[in-house]
Amino acid sequence: MSKPPVEGDLLHVFILAFLFRPAIGGAEMQAEKHARQLLKLGHKVTVLTLQFHKSWPADELLDGLHVLRIGGSFRRDGQLRIGRFGIILINFVLLLKLWRLRHQFDLIHSMQFSTMSATATFICKLMHKPIVISIQSAGPDEKQALRHAQQGVSLMADTLQGADYLTVNARNWVAGDLASIQKSIIIGGKQLSAFLKSSHAYYQALSTRSRSYLISNGFRPEQIVIIPNGVDTEKYQPATRPDPAKPERDIICVARLEYPKGTDVLLHAWGRLMNAPAGWRAELKPRLRIAGGGEFRPQMERIVRELGIQDSVEFLGMRRDVLDLLHQAWGFVLPSRWEGMPNALVEAMACGLPCVATCVSGSEDLITHGVNGLLVPPEDPAEMAQALRRIIEDTALAEQLACEARATIVRDYQISSVVERCLNLYRQLRSGGKPAIPHMLEQEVNL
């Protein structure tokens, strides 16, 4: 247990988050968990985020947490313009806001790599103050990127024929954090990336693959720290496991219905599972429940219909009761094409669920295959179907994976210890020192 900080050690941290409450998402929830843990330790925290609707307050105390929202140009319906032109005005407003508040913060932690983090880095450079930028997504691997370049992008067809509705518009997805900054503004994206690479900013890589991703794109290794996401293990803890004597086997997936999350791959895996000879599940009732919204829901629902699995798949939409859904489930699955460090998987493991995930950034750090979960290649519905079948029909294996999953999170991913690692970094940067990167922090994370 860490000692309470003395007054001289207390910091005023500005947390910069593209989205924040009332918006819902993994990065947004992680930003709030981080902020509230800092408050709990006695530090002062201000969250700067976007005012996505004109009706949202520009300055709000949200359950004790100070939130400042950055506006810009609003449409007639009150929505903030965040397109390539709108983002320029947003960054100008952010620049003025940070300059006005320049004497109030000790450092800035930007939760996303974006044009906003570039603006914050510029202010911090002028004020000789540190900034830490989190990398949320490592993007596709080389094989995936090459296929996208050669063949374009579409949701998986697998066994379906004539599925033209699966084509994905390139505007509807971003290949990782580094690509997002160039896509978000009309000109100057490459120059902003170059500025960030040469700046004094430090980068929080959430996984070993995220660190490699940054280095391969020209970022300096000595300014990259591996610190994963964390979870409140007192809130996210196991409930009573479903009775194995009963036939119900609910598998929960918590993911946006977007291309990188691979929900379409999961549906094909589930189709293979449910359309295979039913002998193995003669006394079982598997059901797939998907919690998450997104623009591809119509396509996902059509895949379900064409595979004939409507009776065993339930789309739950956006939910605020994810913890309850996890407690009701037999197991968890995350079919991502790529990730950074998936909060949904961390929370499911904390709740003691047997988990199936793809071997992507973050998931491959969290899960040791066959010990505390099962890993399958991304975009491989056959392998995913086999892994799902194993946790559904093998009760002993499911119990073993569930127990080890919880132990892993308690040991290495509690929000209190993760925030303490960030605080150690903050203090070293504030004092002008250079952290022992990456080896000391890699050992702490036990990756």
Protein backbone atom coordinates (compact mmCIF):
# COMPACT_ATOMS: atom_id res chain seq x y z
CA MET A 1 0.00 0.00 0.00
CA SER A 2 1.40 3.39 -0.99
CA LYS A 3 1.97 6.08 1.61
CA PRO A 4 -0.25 9.17 1.47
CA PRO A 5 1.61 11.99 -0.31
CA VAL A 6 2.90 14.96 1.67
CA GLU A 7 1.71 18.34 0.52
CA GLY A 8 4.87 19.07 -1.47
CA ASP A 9 4.30 15.94 -3.53
CA LEU A 10 0.74 16.85 -4.53
CA LEU A 11 0.21 17.65 -8.18
CA HIS A 12 -2.38 19.46 -10.27
CA VAL A 13 -2.83 17.24 -13.30
CA PHE A 14 -4.73 18.29 -16.41
CA ILE A 15 -6.21 15.23 -18.11
CA LEU A 16 -6.98 15.82 -21.77
CA ALA A 17 -9.65 13.46 -23.12
CA PHE A 18 -11.31 13.65 -26.53
CA LEU A 19 -14.49 12.14 -25.04
CA PHE A 20 -15.73 12.15 -21.46
CA ARG A 21 -18.99 11.72 -19.63
CA PRO A 22 -21.77 11.67 -20.69
CA ALA A 23 -20.07 9.96 -23.67
CA ILE A 24 -19.34 6.26 -23.15
CA GLY A 25 -16.28 4.33 -24.32
CA GLY A 26 -13.24 2.44 -23.12
CA ALA A 27 -10.79 5.33 -23.28
CA GLU A 28 -13.30 7.68 -21.67
CA MET A 29 -13.96 5.34 -18.76
CA GLN A 30 -10.23 4.77 -18.30
CA ALA A 31 -9.67 8.54 -18.17
CA GLU A 32 -12.28 8.88 -15.43
CA LYS A 33 -10.90 5.95 -13.43
CA HIS A 34 -7.44 7.49 -13.64
CA ALA A 35 -8.70 10.93 -12.62
CA ARG A 36 -10.69 9.67 -9.66
CA GLN A 37 -7.80 7.58 -8.36
CA LEU A 38 -5.60 10.68 -8.44
CA LEU A 39 -8.29 12.60 -6.53
CA LYS A 40 -8.49 9.77 -4.01
CA LEU A 41 -4.76 10.16 -3.38
CA GLY A 42 -5.18 13.88 -2.68
CA HIS A 43 -4.02 15.30 -6.01
CA LYS A 44 -5.92 18.01 -7.88
CA VAL A 45 -7.34 17.03 -11.26
CA THR A 46 -8.97 18.97 -14.07
CA VAL A 47 -10.38 17.15 -17.10
CA LEU A 48 -10.39 18.99 -20.42
CA THR A 49 -12.66 17.45 -23.01
CA LEU A 50 -14.87 18.42 -25.93
CA GLN A 51 -18.28 20.03 -25.57
CA PHE A 52 -19.96 17.71 -28.04
CA HIS A 53 -23.33 19.41 -27.64
CA LYS A 54 -24.02 23.07 -27.00
CA SER A 55 -26.31 22.11 -24.10
CA TRP A 56 -23.46 20.42 -22.22
CA PRO A 57 -22.00 22.72 -19.53
CA ALA A 58 -18.65 24.26 -20.39
CA ASP A 59 -17.53 24.15 -16.75
CA GLU A 60 -18.88 21.44 -14.46
CA LEU A 61 -18.13 19.73 -11.16
CA LEU A 62 -18.96 16.11 -11.92
CA ASP A 63 -19.25 14.19 -8.64
CA GLY A 64 -16.31 16.15 -7.28
CA LEU A 65 -14.29 16.06 -10.51
CA HIS A 66 -13.68 19.38 -12.30
CA VAL A 67 -14.51 19.11 -16.02
CA LEU A 68 -13.85 21.87 -18.56
CA ARG A 69 -15.36 21.37 -22.02
CA ILE A 70 -13.85 22.89 -25.15
CA GLY A 71 -16.30 24.22 -27.71
CA GLY A 72 -15.99 25.50 -31.23
CA SER A 73 -18.48 25.75 -34.08
CA PHE A 74 -21.88 24.16 -33.47
CA ARG A 75 -24.38 22.95 -36.04
CA ARG A 76 -28.03 24.02 -35.97
CA ASP A 77 -28.93 20.86 -34.01
CA GLY A 78 -26.43 21.86 -31.32
CA GLN A 79 -23.80 19.24 -32.24
CA LEU A 80 -20.15 20.28 -32.20
CA ARG A 81 -18.47 20.34 -35.61
CA ILE A 82 -15.51 17.97 -35.37
CA GLY A 83 -14.70 17.49 -39.06
CA ARG A 84 -11.43 18.51 -40.67
CA PHE A 85 -12.32 22.20 -40.52
CA GLY A 86 -14.10 22.09 -37.17
CA ILE A 87 -11.09 20.53 -35.45
CA ILE A 88 -8.96 23.56 -36.38
CA LEU A 89 -11.26 25.89 -34.43
CA ILE A 90 -11.42 23.42 -31.54
CA ASN A 91 -7.64 23.41 -31.26
CA PHE A 92 -7.52 27.20 -31.37
CA VAL A 93 -10.01 27.35 -28.48
CA LEU A 94 -7.96 24.72 -26.61
CA LEU A 95 -4.77 26.72 -27.19
CA LEU A 96 -6.34 29.85 -25.68
CA LYS A 97 -7.77 27.86 -22.75
CA LEU A 98 -4.47 26.21 -21.89
CA TRP A 99 -2.57 29.47 -22.21
CA ARG A 100 -5.00 31.19 -19.86
CA LEU A 101 -4.62 28.32 -17.35
CA ARG A 102 -0.89 27.85 -17.91
CA HIS A 103 0.07 28.61 -14.31
CA GLN A 104 -2.52 26.25 -12.81
CA PHE A 105 -1.24 22.82 -13.84
CA ASP A 106 1.95 20.90 -13.14
CA LEU A 107 1.65 18.60 -16.12
CA ILE A 108 -0.78 17.36 -18.76
CA HIS A 109 -1.71 13.75 -19.43
CA SER A 110 -3.40 13.42 -22.82
CA MET A 111 -5.40 10.21 -23.01
CA GLN A 112 -5.30 10.07 -26.84
CA PHE A 113 -2.76 10.81 -29.55
CA SER A 114 -4.49 13.56 -31.50
CA THR A 115 -4.29 17.12 -32.80
CA MET A 116 -5.37 18.18 -29.31
CA SER A 117 -2.36 16.45 -27.76
CA ALA A 118 -0.15 18.31 -30.25
CA THR A 119 -1.67 21.62 -29.11
CA ALA A 120 -1.13 20.67 -25.47
CA THR A 121 2.47 19.66 -26.22
CA PHE A 122 3.11 23.09 -27.76
CA ILE A 123 1.83 24.87 -24.64
CA CYS A 124 3.85 22.58 -22.36
CA LYS A 125 6.98 23.29 -24.42
CA LEU A 126 6.46 27.04 -24.00
CA MET A 127 5.91 26.63 -20.25
CA HIS A 128 8.68 24.05 -19.73
CA LYS A 129 6.16 21.63 -18.28
CA PRO A 130 5.93 17.88 -18.89
CA ILE A 131 3.28 16.12 -20.93
CA VAL A 132 2.44 12.42 -21.18
CA ILE A 133 0.46 11.11 -24.16
CA SER A 134 -1.28 7.73 -24.09
CA ILE A 135 -1.41 5.59 -27.22
CA GLN A 136 -4.79 3.87 -27.30
CA SER A 137 -4.54 1.78 -30.48
CA ALA A 138 -1.60 0.06 -32.17
CA GLY A 139 -3.52 -0.32 -35.43
CA PRO A 140 -3.38 -3.26 -37.84
CA ASP A 141 -0.30 -5.45 -38.19
CA GLU A 142 1.76 -5.43 -41.38
CA LYS A 143 -0.17 -8.30 -42.95
CA GLN A 144 -3.52 -6.60 -42.32
CA ALA A 145 -2.27 -3.22 -43.54
CA LEU A 146 -0.95 -4.76 -46.76
CA ARG A 147 -4.27 -6.51 -47.41
CA HIS A 148 -6.19 -3.28 -46.80
CA ALA A 149 -3.96 -1.43 -49.25
CA GLN A 150 -4.30 -4.09 -51.95
CA GLN A 151 -7.92 -5.22 -51.54
CA GLY A 152 -9.70 -2.43 -49.70
CA VAL A 153 -11.64 -2.99 -46.50
CA SER A 154 -14.79 -4.99 -45.87
CA LEU A 155 -16.46 -6.87 -43.08
CA MET A 156 -15.88 -10.60 -43.22
CA ALA A 157 -17.98 -12.64 -45.68
CA ASP A 158 -16.56 -16.07 -44.75
CA THR A 159 -19.19 -18.55 -45.99
CA LEU A 160 -21.64 -15.91 -47.26
CA GLN A 161 -22.03 -15.31 -50.97
CA GLY A 162 -22.77 -12.04 -52.79
CA ALA A 163 -22.36 -9.96 -49.62
CA ASP A 164 -21.85 -6.51 -51.20
CA TYR A 165 -23.32 -4.86 -48.11
CA LEU A 166 -20.13 -5.73 -46.18
CA THR A 167 -17.95 -3.10 -47.90
CA VAL A 168 -16.49 -0.58 -45.44
CA ASN A 169 -15.94 3.05 -46.43
CA ALA A 170 -12.40 4.11 -45.62
CA ARG A 171 -13.79 7.18 -43.83
CA ASN A 172 -15.46 4.95 -41.24
CA TRP A 173 -12.35 3.53 -39.59
CA VAL A 174 -8.85 4.61 -38.60
CA ALA A 175 -5.78 2.36 -38.70
CA GLY A 176 -4.40 3.18 -35.25
CA ASP A 177 -3.60 6.35 -33.35
CA LEU A 178 -0.78 7.59 -35.58
CA ALA A 179 -2.98 7.48 -38.67
CA SER A 180 -5.78 9.35 -36.90
CA ILE A 181 -3.89 12.62 -36.58
CA GLN A 182 -3.31 12.81 -40.34
CA LYS A 183 -6.90 11.85 -41.09
CA SER A 184 -8.47 14.34 -38.69
CA ILE A 185 -7.24 17.58 -40.31
CA ILE A 186 -7.22 18.78 -43.89
CA ILE A 187 -3.53 19.78 -44.01
CA GLY A 188 -0.53 19.57 -41.69
CA GLY A 189 -1.04 16.07 -40.28
CA LYS A 190 2.46 14.89 -41.19
CA GLN A 191 3.98 18.04 -39.75
CA LEU A 192 2.10 17.57 -36.46
CA SER A 193 3.32 13.96 -36.25
CA ALA A 194 6.89 15.11 -36.89
CA PHE A 195 6.55 17.79 -34.19
CA LEU A 196 5.33 15.22 -31.64
CA LYS A 197 8.13 12.78 -32.48
CA SER A 198 10.78 15.47 -31.90
CA SER A 199 9.07 17.04 -28.86
CA HIS A 200 9.77 16.58 -25.18
CA ALA A 201 6.55 14.57 -24.71
CA TYR A 202 6.65 11.15 -23.09
CA TYR A 203 4.41 8.38 -24.39
CA GLN A 204 2.43 5.86 -22.39
CA ALA A 205 2.37 2.65 -24.40
CA LEU A 206 -0.34 0.38 -23.03
CA SER A 207 1.31 -2.82 -24.23
CA THR A 208 4.53 -4.29 -25.54
CA ARG A 209 3.19 -4.20 -29.11
CA SER A 210 2.17 -0.54 -28.73
CA ARG A 211 5.74 0.29 -27.76
CA SER A 212 7.08 -1.52 -30.84
CA TYR A 213 4.46 0.29 -32.93
CA LEU A 214 5.74 3.67 -31.75
CA ILE A 215 9.40 2.82 -32.26
CA SER A 216 8.79 1.47 -35.76
CA ASN A 217 7.11 4.79 -36.60
CA GLY A 218 10.08 6.89 -35.55
CA PHE A 219 9.38 7.68 -31.88
CA ARG A 220 12.36 7.65 -29.53
CA PRO A 221 12.52 4.53 -27.28
CA GLU A 222 13.82 6.52 -24.32
CA GLN A 223 10.57 8.52 -24.23
CA ILE A 224 8.19 5.54 -24.30
CA VAL A 225 6.95 4.00 -21.05
CA ILE A 226 4.92 0.79 -20.85
CA ILE A 227 2.11 1.30 -18.34
CA PRO A 228 -1.12 -0.65 -18.98
CA ASN A 229 -4.69 0.26 -18.21
CA GLY A 230 -6.00 -0.65 -14.78
CA VAL A 231 -9.28 -1.62 -13.18
CA ASP A 232 -10.96 -1.17 -9.81
CA THR A 233 -10.76 -4.74 -8.54
CA GLU A 234 -13.10 -3.98 -5.65
CA LYS A 235 -15.85 -2.95 -8.06
CA TYR A 236 -15.04 -5.49 -10.76
CA GLN A 237 -14.87 -8.75 -8.91
CA PRO A 238 -16.39 -12.19 -9.37
CA ALA A 239 -20.02 -12.89 -8.60
CA THR A 240 -21.47 -16.36 -8.09
CA ARG A 241 -20.69 -18.38 -11.20
CA PRO A 242 -23.67 -19.66 -13.22
CA ASP A 243 -24.72 -23.15 -12.13
CA PRO A 244 -22.92 -25.63 -14.41
CA ALA A 245 -25.79 -28.08 -13.87
CA LYS A 246 -28.06 -25.72 -15.82
CA PRO A 247 -27.88 -25.71 -19.63
CA GLU A 248 -27.57 -21.93 -20.16
CA ARG A 249 -24.18 -20.75 -21.41
CA ASP A 250 -24.27 -17.01 -22.06
CA ILE A 251 -21.17 -15.59 -23.73
CA ILE A 252 -20.89 -11.81 -23.50
CA CYS A 253 -19.01 -9.54 -25.91
CA VAL A 254 -18.58 -5.88 -24.97
CA ALA A 255 -17.44 -4.04 -28.09
CA ARG A 256 -18.48 -1.27 -30.43
CA LEU A 257 -19.94 -2.49 -33.71
CA GLU A 258 -17.02 -1.10 -35.68
CA TYR A 259 -14.51 -2.63 -38.06
CA PRO A 260 -11.46 -2.79 -35.69
CA LYS A 261 -13.47 -4.66 -33.02
CA GLY A 262 -14.11 -7.63 -35.34
CA THR A 263 -17.67 -8.33 -34.23
CA ASP A 264 -18.40 -9.61 -37.73
CA VAL A 265 -15.68 -12.24 -37.29
CA LEU A 266 -17.29 -13.30 -34.03
CA LEU A 267 -20.64 -13.73 -35.71
CA HIS A 268 -19.11 -16.03 -38.30
CA ALA A 269 -17.41 -18.00 -35.54
CA TRP A 270 -20.73 -18.28 -33.72
CA GLY A 271 -22.38 -19.38 -36.94
CA ARG A 272 -19.83 -22.17 -37.34
CA LEU A 273 -20.42 -23.17 -33.73
CA MET A 274 -24.21 -23.26 -33.93
CA ASN A 275 -24.45 -24.74 -37.44
CA ALA A 276 -22.07 -27.60 -36.68
CA PRO A 277 -23.51 -31.03 -35.68
CA ALA A 278 -25.34 -30.35 -32.42
CA GLY A 279 -24.25 -33.45 -30.53
CA TRP A 280 -21.75 -31.60 -28.35
CA ARG A 281 -24.39 -29.12 -27.16
CA ALA A 282 -27.38 -31.44 -26.97
CA GLU A 283 -27.88 -30.53 -23.31
CA LEU A 284 -26.57 -26.98 -23.51
CA LYS A 285 -28.10 -23.65 -24.55
CA PRO A 286 -25.32 -21.36 -25.78
CA ARG A 287 -26.25 -17.72 -26.36
CA LEU A 288 -24.14 -14.83 -27.63
CA ARG A 289 -24.92 -11.40 -26.17
CA ILE A 290 -23.28 -8.34 -27.74
CA ALA A 291 -23.21 -5.08 -25.76
CA GLY A 292 -22.23 -2.06 -27.83
CA GLY A 293 -23.56 0.33 -30.43
CA GLY A 294 -22.15 1.38 -33.76
CA GLU A 295 -22.91 2.24 -37.35
CA PHE A 296 -22.45 -1.35 -38.54
CA ARG A 297 -25.33 -2.77 -36.54
CA PRO A 298 -27.55 -3.20 -39.67
CA GLN A 299 -24.79 -5.21 -41.37
CA MET A 300 -24.23 -7.30 -38.23
CA GLU A 301 -27.93 -8.08 -37.94
CA ARG A 302 -28.02 -9.09 -41.60
CA ILE A 303 -25.06 -11.44 -41.10
CA VAL A 304 -26.96 -13.05 -38.23
CA ARG A 305 -30.05 -13.54 -40.38
CA GLU A 306 -28.13 -14.97 -43.31
CA LEU A 307 -26.27 -17.39 -41.04
CA GLY A 308 -29.56 -18.45 -39.45
CA ILE A 309 -28.43 -17.86 -35.87
CA GLN A 310 -31.08 -15.34 -34.78
CA ASP A 311 -32.28 -17.57 -31.94
CA SER A 312 -28.90 -17.60 -30.21
CA VAL A 313 -27.62 -14.01 -30.79
CA GLU A 314 -28.83 -10.93 -28.93
CA PHE A 315 -27.78 -7.35 -29.70
CA LEU A 316 -28.05 -5.36 -26.48
CA GLY A 317 -27.01 -1.94 -27.83
CA MET A 318 -25.15 0.59 -25.67
CA ARG A 319 -25.39 -0.39 -22.02
CA ARG A 320 -24.45 1.27 -18.77
CA ASP A 321 -24.89 -1.92 -16.74
CA VAL A 322 -21.89 -3.79 -18.16
CA LEU A 323 -20.86 -5.03 -14.72
CA ASP A 324 -24.24 -6.73 -14.27
CA LEU A 325 -23.95 -8.27 -17.73
CA LEU A 326 -20.51 -9.66 -16.86
CA HIS A 327 -21.84 -11.13 -13.62
CA GLN A 328 -24.64 -12.89 -15.50
CA ALA A 329 -22.35 -14.41 -18.14
CA TRP A 330 -20.72 -17.81 -18.40
CA GLY A 331 -17.79 -16.45 -20.44
CA PHE A 332 -16.44 -13.50 -22.38
CA VAL A 333 -15.14 -13.03 -25.92
CA LEU A 334 -13.29 -10.15 -27.61
CA PRO A 335 -12.73 -10.66 -31.38
CA SER A 336 -10.69 -7.50 -32.13
CA ARG A 337 -8.73 -7.05 -35.33
CA TRP A 338 -6.42 -4.74 -33.37
CA GLU A 339 -6.32 -2.99 -29.99
CA GLY A 340 -4.18 -0.99 -27.62
CA MET A 341 -5.13 -2.39 -24.21
CA PRO A 342 -8.79 -3.53 -24.18
CA ASN A 343 -10.56 -2.27 -21.06
CA ALA A 344 -13.46 -4.67 -21.64
CA LEU A 345 -11.12 -7.66 -21.42
CA VAL A 346 -9.43 -6.32 -18.28
CA GLU A 347 -12.85 -5.91 -16.63
CA ALA A 348 -14.05 -9.35 -17.70
CA MET A 349 -10.93 -11.01 -16.32
CA ALA A 350 -11.28 -9.02 -13.09
CA CYS A 351 -14.80 -10.46 -12.78
CA GLY A 352 -13.39 -13.96 -13.03
CA LEU A 353 -14.76 -14.93 -16.45
CA PRO A 354 -13.13 -17.46 -18.78
CA CYS A 355 -12.12 -15.32 -21.76
CA VAL A 356 -11.44 -15.87 -25.44
CA ALA A 357 -9.57 -13.07 -27.21
CA THR A 358 -7.56 -12.49 -30.33
CA CYS A 359 -3.77 -12.30 -30.24
CA VAL A 360 -3.51 -8.52 -30.61
CA SER A 361 -1.95 -5.66 -28.69
CA GLY A 362 -2.88 -5.77 -25.02
CA SER A 363 -4.79 -9.03 -25.14
CA GLU A 364 -1.57 -10.94 -25.77
CA ASP A 365 -0.04 -9.28 -22.68
CA LEU A 366 -3.05 -10.02 -20.50
CA ILE A 367 -3.61 -13.64 -21.52
CA THR A 368 -1.26 -16.59 -21.38
CA HIS A 369 -2.95 -19.11 -23.65
CA GLY A 370 -4.40 -22.05 -21.79
CA VAL A 371 -3.50 -20.62 -18.38
CA ASN A 372 -5.75 -17.60 -17.75
CA GLY A 373 -7.66 -17.48 -21.05
CA LEU A 374 -7.58 -18.61 -24.66
CA LEU A 375 -5.96 -16.71 -27.53
CA VAL A 376 -6.80 -17.16 -31.21
CA PRO A 377 -5.48 -15.43 -34.34
CA PRO A 378 -7.43 -12.33 -35.42
CA GLU A 379 -9.87 -12.80 -38.31
CA ASP A 380 -9.96 -16.59 -37.87
CA PRO A 381 -13.59 -17.65 -37.21
CA ALA A 382 -12.75 -21.37 -37.25
CA GLU A 383 -10.19 -21.06 -34.43
CA MET A 384 -12.48 -18.75 -32.48
CA ALA A 385 -15.37 -21.22 -32.78
CA GLN A 386 -13.18 -23.99 -31.36
CA ALA A 387 -12.05 -21.82 -28.44
CA LEU A 388 -15.63 -20.79 -27.65
CA ARG A 389 -16.72 -24.42 -27.73
CA ARG A 390 -13.98 -25.30 -25.23
CA ILE A 391 -15.09 -22.79 -22.60
CA ILE A 392 -18.78 -23.59 -23.17
CA GLU A 393 -18.60 -27.37 -22.83
CA ASP A 394 -15.56 -27.88 -20.56
CA THR A 395 -16.66 -26.69 -17.12
CA ALA A 396 -13.38 -27.58 -15.44
CA LEU A 397 -11.37 -25.60 -17.99
CA ALA A 398 -13.75 -22.64 -17.69
CA GLU A 399 -13.35 -22.59 -13.91
CA GLN A 400 -9.55 -22.82 -14.14
CA LEU A 401 -9.29 -19.98 -16.65
CA ALA A 402 -11.69 -17.85 -14.63
CA CYS A 403 -9.68 -18.26 -11.42
CA GLU A 404 -6.34 -17.51 -13.08
CA ALA A 405 -7.81 -14.52 -14.95
CA ARG A 406 -8.85 -12.86 -11.71
CA ALA A 407 -5.46 -13.59 -10.12
CA THR A 408 -3.65 -11.97 -13.06
CA ILE A 409 -5.63 -8.75 -12.80
CA VAL A 410 -5.28 -8.50 -9.02
CA ARG A 411 -1.54 -9.04 -9.30
CA ASP A 412 -0.69 -6.73 -12.20
CA TYR A 413 -3.56 -4.47 -13.27
CA GLN A 414 -5.21 -2.86 -10.24
CA ILE A 415 -6.00 0.79 -10.90
CA SER A 416 -4.25 1.82 -7.68
CA SER A 417 -0.90 0.31 -8.70
CA VAL A 418 -1.22 1.48 -12.31
CA VAL A 419 -1.88 5.08 -11.24
CA GLU A 420 1.03 4.86 -8.80
CA ARG A 421 3.31 4.00 -11.72
CA CYS A 422 2.00 7.04 -13.57
CA LEU A 423 2.61 9.19 -10.51
CA ASN A 424 6.20 7.98 -10.31
CA LEU A 425 6.61 9.06 -13.92
CA TYR A 426 4.89 12.41 -13.29
CA ARG A 427 7.17 13.20 -10.34
CA GLN A 428 10.35 12.30 -12.20
CA LEU A 429 9.35 14.45 -15.17
CA ARG A 430 8.30 17.34 -12.96
CA SER A 431 11.65 17.30 -11.17
CA GLY A 432 13.46 17.39 -14.49
CA GLY A 433 14.77 13.86 -14.18
CA LYS A 434 14.77 11.20 -16.88
CA PRO A 435 12.91 8.01 -15.93
CA ALA A 436 14.64 4.66 -16.28
CA ILE A 437 12.83 3.71 -19.49
CA PRO A 438 11.75 1.19 -20.50
CA HIS A 439 13.25 -1.55 -18.34
CA MET A 440 12.19 -0.48 -14.86
CA LEU A 441 8.55 0.09 -15.75
CA GLU A 442 8.36 -3.06 -17.91
CA GLN A 443 9.44 -5.12 -14.92
CA GLU A 444 6.86 -3.42 -12.72
CA VAL A 445 4.08 -4.33 -15.12
CA ASN A 446 5.23 -7.98 -15.16
CA LEU A 447 4.61 -8.32 -18.87
